[in-house]
Amino acid sequence: MCSKRMLKFVPVIIYSAISLAIFQGSFFLLFELGMDPATKKDEKTKRDTLAMIGLGIGETLGGIMNGKL
């Protein structure tokens, strides 16, 4: 199923996934704190998700580029 080498690497993958989820969850709140308080909640959510899409694309492209190096 999995090699011994891969089993040694699984904790790193799990840690990376958990830390990324915590980072993105807290980043969403920080975005909203930096916005104008008069902005509607729907508009804040829209801007937050658009920013997170950009970050996700950047992470994906960065991963691909690092994989090629």
Protein backbone atom coordinates (compact mmCIF):
# COMPACT_ATOMS: atom_id res chain seq x y z
CA MET A 1 0.00 0.00 0.00
CA CYS A 2 2.52 2.64 1.16
CA SER A 3 6.25 2.39 1.35
CA LYS A 4 8.12 2.94 4.63
CA ARG A 5 9.60 6.07 3.14
CA MET A 6 6.14 7.48 2.45
CA LEU A 7 4.92 6.60 5.95
CA LYS A 8 7.72 8.74 7.37
CA PHE A 9 6.51 11.65 5.24
CA VAL A 10 2.79 11.41 6.14
CA PRO A 11 3.12 13.46 9.38
CA VAL A 12 4.68 16.30 7.38
CA ILE A 13 1.75 16.24 4.96
CA ILE A 14 -0.78 16.24 7.80
CA TYR A 15 1.00 19.10 9.59
CA SER A 16 1.13 21.11 6.37
CA ALA A 17 -2.60 20.63 5.75
CA ILE A 18 -3.59 21.58 9.30
CA SER A 19 -1.36 24.66 9.42
CA LEU A 20 -2.64 25.83 6.03
CA ALA A 21 -6.26 25.43 7.16
CA ILE A 22 -5.62 27.43 10.35
CA PHE A 23 -3.75 30.12 8.41
CA GLN A 24 -6.52 30.52 5.86
CA GLY A 25 -9.23 30.56 8.52
CA SER A 26 -7.54 33.32 10.49
CA PHE A 27 -6.57 35.24 7.35
CA PHE A 28 -10.24 35.51 6.39
CA LEU A 29 -10.97 37.31 9.69
CA LEU A 30 -7.95 39.59 9.30
CA PHE A 31 -9.17 40.65 5.86
CA GLU A 32 -12.50 41.68 7.32
CA LEU A 33 -10.87 43.65 10.14
CA GLY A 34 -8.96 45.70 7.57
CA MET A 35 -12.05 46.65 5.59
CA ASP A 36 -14.26 49.67 6.07
CA PRO A 37 -16.82 48.99 8.83
CA ALA A 38 -19.58 50.51 6.67
CA THR A 39 -19.11 47.79 4.05
CA LYS A 40 -21.92 45.24 3.96
CA LYS A 41 -21.21 41.71 5.22
CA ASP A 42 -21.98 40.22 1.79
CA GLU A 43 -19.48 42.53 0.09
CA LYS A 44 -16.82 41.69 2.68
CA THR A 45 -17.36 37.98 2.13
CA LYS A 46 -17.16 38.46 -1.64
CA ARG A 47 -13.86 40.33 -1.37
CA ASP A 48 -12.47 37.82 1.10
CA THR A 49 -13.22 34.85 -1.11
CA LEU A 50 -11.81 36.57 -4.21
CA ALA A 51 -8.59 37.27 -2.32
CA MET A 52 -8.43 33.65 -1.13
CA ILE A 53 -8.91 32.43 -4.71
CA GLY A 54 -5.89 34.51 -5.71
CA LEU A 55 -3.85 33.08 -2.85
CA GLY A 56 -4.89 29.54 -3.79
CA ILE A 57 -3.85 30.05 -7.40
CA GLY A 58 -0.53 31.46 -6.21
CA GLU A 59 0.05 28.47 -3.93
CA THR A 60 -0.78 26.05 -6.72
CA LEU A 61 1.51 27.74 -9.22
CA GLY A 62 4.26 27.99 -6.61
CA GLY A 63 3.94 24.27 -5.87
CA ILE A 64 4.15 23.43 -9.56
CA MET A 65 7.17 25.66 -10.05
CA ASN A 66 8.94 24.22 -6.99
CA GLY A 67 8.20 20.73 -8.25
CA LYS A 68 9.91 21.54 -11.55
CA LEU A 69 13.08 22.89 -9.91
